[in-house]
N, C-alpha and C. Protein backbone atom coordinates (compact mmCIF):
# COMPACT_ATOMS: atom_id res chain seq x y z
N MET A 1 119.10 79.88 100.89
CA MET A 1 118.39 79.50 102.09
C MET A 1 116.87 79.61 101.87
N GLU A 2 116.46 80.70 101.23
CA GLU A 2 115.02 80.89 101.02
C GLU A 2 114.44 79.83 100.08
N ARG A 3 115.18 79.48 99.03
CA ARG A 3 114.67 78.45 98.12
C ARG A 3 114.62 77.10 98.81
N ALA A 4 115.63 76.82 99.65
CA ALA A 4 115.64 75.56 100.41
C ALA A 4 114.43 75.51 101.34
N ARG A 5 114.11 76.62 101.97
CA ARG A 5 112.94 76.67 102.85
C ARG A 5 111.66 76.43 102.06
N ALA A 6 111.56 77.02 100.89
CA ALA A 6 110.37 76.84 100.06
C ALA A 6 110.21 75.37 99.65
N ILE A 7 111.33 74.71 99.36
CA ILE A 7 111.28 73.29 99.01
C ILE A 7 110.76 72.48 100.18
N VAL A 8 111.31 72.71 101.36
CA VAL A 8 110.89 71.97 102.56
C VAL A 8 109.41 72.25 102.85
N ASP A 9 109.03 73.51 102.80
CA ASP A 9 107.63 73.87 103.06
C ASP A 9 106.68 73.25 102.05
N GLY A 10 107.15 73.04 100.83
CA GLY A 10 106.33 72.46 99.79
C GLY A 10 105.96 71.00 100.05
N TYR A 11 106.68 70.35 100.93
CA TYR A 11 106.40 68.95 101.27
C TYR A 11 105.49 68.81 102.49
N THR A 12 105.15 69.92 103.13
CA THR A 12 104.32 69.87 104.33
C THR A 12 103.03 69.13 104.04
N PRO A 13 102.58 68.22 104.88
CA PRO A 13 103.02 67.93 106.24
C PRO A 13 104.15 66.91 106.32
N LEU A 14 104.66 66.44 105.19
CA LEU A 14 105.75 65.48 105.21
C LEU A 14 107.07 66.18 105.53
N LYS A 15 108.03 65.41 106.00
CA LYS A 15 109.39 65.92 106.24
C LYS A 15 110.28 65.42 105.12
N VAL A 16 111.36 66.12 104.84
CA VAL A 16 112.29 65.73 103.79
C VAL A 16 113.70 65.62 104.36
N THR A 17 114.58 65.01 103.58
CA THR A 17 115.97 64.87 103.99
C THR A 17 116.80 65.99 103.36
N LEU A 18 117.98 66.17 103.91
CA LEU A 18 118.92 67.12 103.33
C LEU A 18 119.24 66.74 101.90
N ARG A 19 119.40 65.46 101.64
CA ARG A 19 119.72 64.99 100.29
C ARG A 19 118.61 65.37 99.30
N GLN A 20 117.34 65.25 99.71
CA GLN A 20 116.24 65.64 98.84
C GLN A 20 116.31 67.13 98.51
N VAL A 21 116.60 67.94 99.51
CA VAL A 21 116.70 69.38 99.29
C VAL A 21 117.85 69.67 98.33
N MET A 22 119.00 69.02 98.56
CA MET A 22 120.17 69.24 97.70
C MET A 22 119.86 68.86 96.26
N TYR A 23 119.23 67.71 96.05
CA TYR A 23 118.91 67.28 94.69
C TYR A 23 117.96 68.26 94.00
N ARG A 24 116.99 68.75 94.73
CA ARG A 24 116.06 69.72 94.14
C ARG A 24 116.79 71.02 93.78
N LEU A 25 117.66 71.51 94.67
CA LEU A 25 118.41 72.73 94.39
C LEU A 25 119.33 72.54 93.19
N ALA A 26 119.96 71.38 93.10
CA ALA A 26 120.85 71.10 91.97
C ALA A 26 120.05 70.97 90.67
N ALA A 27 118.91 70.31 90.73
CA ALA A 27 118.07 70.14 89.52
C ALA A 27 117.57 71.50 89.01
N GLU A 28 117.33 72.42 89.92
CA GLU A 28 116.86 73.75 89.54
C GLU A 28 118.00 74.68 89.12
N GLY A 29 119.24 74.22 89.29
CA GLY A 29 120.38 75.04 88.93
C GLY A 29 120.76 76.08 89.96
N VAL A 30 120.19 75.96 91.16
CA VAL A 30 120.49 76.92 92.23
C VAL A 30 121.88 76.65 92.79
N LEU A 31 122.23 75.38 92.93
CA LEU A 31 123.55 74.96 93.44
C LEU A 31 124.13 73.91 92.50
N PRO A 32 125.46 73.90 92.36
CA PRO A 32 126.07 72.81 91.58
C PRO A 32 125.99 71.51 92.37
N HIS A 33 125.86 70.41 91.66
CA HIS A 33 125.78 69.10 92.31
C HIS A 33 127.20 68.60 92.54
N ALA A 34 127.75 68.97 93.71
CA ALA A 34 129.13 68.62 94.04
C ALA A 34 129.25 68.41 95.54
N PRO A 35 130.10 67.47 95.96
CA PRO A 35 130.26 67.20 97.40
C PRO A 35 130.56 68.45 98.25
N PRO A 36 131.41 69.37 97.80
CA PRO A 36 131.63 70.56 98.64
C PRO A 36 130.35 71.37 98.86
N MET A 37 129.51 71.46 97.83
CA MET A 37 128.25 72.19 97.97
C MET A 37 127.32 71.49 98.94
N TYR A 38 127.28 70.16 98.90
CA TYR A 38 126.44 69.39 99.82
C TYR A 38 126.88 69.64 101.25
N ARG A 39 128.19 69.61 101.50
CA ARG A 39 128.70 69.85 102.85
C ARG A 39 128.41 71.26 103.32
N GLN A 40 128.55 72.22 102.41
CA GLN A 40 128.27 73.61 102.76
C GLN A 40 126.78 73.81 103.07
N LEU A 41 125.92 73.24 102.24
CA LEU A 41 124.48 73.32 102.50
C LEU A 41 124.14 72.67 103.83
N SER A 42 124.72 71.51 104.08
CA SER A 42 124.48 70.81 105.34
C SER A 42 124.86 71.68 106.53
N SER A 43 126.02 72.29 106.46
CA SER A 43 126.50 73.14 107.55
C SER A 43 125.59 74.34 107.77
N GLN A 44 125.22 75.00 106.67
CA GLN A 44 124.39 76.20 106.78
C GLN A 44 122.99 75.88 107.31
N LEU A 45 122.40 74.80 106.81
CA LEU A 45 121.05 74.45 107.27
C LEU A 45 121.08 73.94 108.71
N ALA A 46 122.13 73.22 109.09
CA ALA A 46 122.24 72.75 110.48
C ALA A 46 122.32 73.94 111.43
N GLN A 47 123.12 74.93 111.08
CA GLN A 47 123.23 76.12 111.92
C GLN A 47 121.89 76.84 112.00
N ALA A 48 121.22 76.99 110.87
CA ALA A 48 119.91 77.66 110.85
C ALA A 48 118.90 76.88 111.68
N ARG A 49 118.93 75.54 111.63
CA ARG A 49 118.01 74.74 112.44
C ARG A 49 118.29 74.91 113.92
N ARG A 50 119.57 74.95 114.30
CA ARG A 50 119.92 75.15 115.71
C ARG A 50 119.42 76.51 116.21
N GLU A 51 119.37 77.49 115.33
CA GLU A 51 118.91 78.84 115.68
C GLU A 51 117.41 79.02 115.44
N ASP A 52 116.71 77.93 115.16
CA ASP A 52 115.26 77.96 114.89
C ASP A 52 114.90 78.88 113.73
N ARG A 53 115.77 78.95 112.72
CA ARG A 53 115.50 79.76 111.53
C ARG A 53 115.18 78.91 110.32
N PHE A 54 115.11 77.57 110.50
CA PHE A 54 114.85 76.68 109.37
C PHE A 54 114.11 75.47 109.91
N PRO A 55 113.15 74.94 109.14
CA PRO A 55 112.40 73.77 109.60
C PRO A 55 113.29 72.53 109.74
N ASP A 56 112.87 71.62 110.59
CA ASP A 56 113.61 70.38 110.79
C ASP A 56 113.57 69.51 109.54
N LEU A 57 114.64 68.78 109.34
CA LEU A 57 114.74 67.80 108.27
C LEU A 57 114.79 66.43 108.92
N ILE A 58 114.50 65.40 108.16
CA ILE A 58 114.62 64.06 108.71
C ILE A 58 115.98 63.50 108.31
N ASP A 59 116.49 62.63 109.15
CA ASP A 59 117.74 61.94 108.87
C ASP A 59 117.57 60.51 109.29
N THR A 60 117.43 59.64 108.33
CA THR A 60 117.18 58.23 108.64
C THR A 60 118.45 57.43 108.84
N VAL A 61 119.62 58.10 108.70
CA VAL A 61 120.88 57.38 108.78
C VAL A 61 121.68 57.73 110.03
N ARG A 62 121.74 58.98 110.37
CA ARG A 62 122.63 59.42 111.43
C ARG A 62 121.86 59.88 112.65
N GLU A 63 122.56 59.88 113.76
CA GLU A 63 122.01 60.37 115.01
C GLU A 63 123.07 61.23 115.68
N VAL A 64 122.72 62.42 116.14
CA VAL A 64 123.65 63.31 116.80
C VAL A 64 123.75 62.90 118.26
N HIS A 65 124.95 62.52 118.69
CA HIS A 65 125.15 62.11 120.07
C HIS A 65 125.70 63.24 120.92
N VAL A 66 126.48 64.14 120.31
CA VAL A 66 127.10 65.25 121.03
C VAL A 66 126.78 66.52 120.26
N PRO A 67 126.13 67.49 120.92
CA PRO A 67 125.85 68.74 120.21
C PRO A 67 127.15 69.49 119.93
N PRO A 68 127.17 70.36 118.91
CA PRO A 68 128.38 71.11 118.60
C PRO A 68 128.79 72.01 119.75
N ALA A 69 130.09 72.14 119.94
CA ALA A 69 130.60 72.97 121.03
C ALA A 69 130.64 74.42 120.62
């Protein structure tokens, strides 16, 4: 989580996508480049963003219509 935050902060004032963060983490060897890891990272960062513990990411493809229950 801390390395992901450092990556996002490193792009300030620009915003980055989850995919960019995942690729950087995989390139650095922090996480394996695998679909389960991407889904897990997505879930963890989404929860942290909902709790205001992680900066916002951009998503140019999807839009959330219903917040999680």
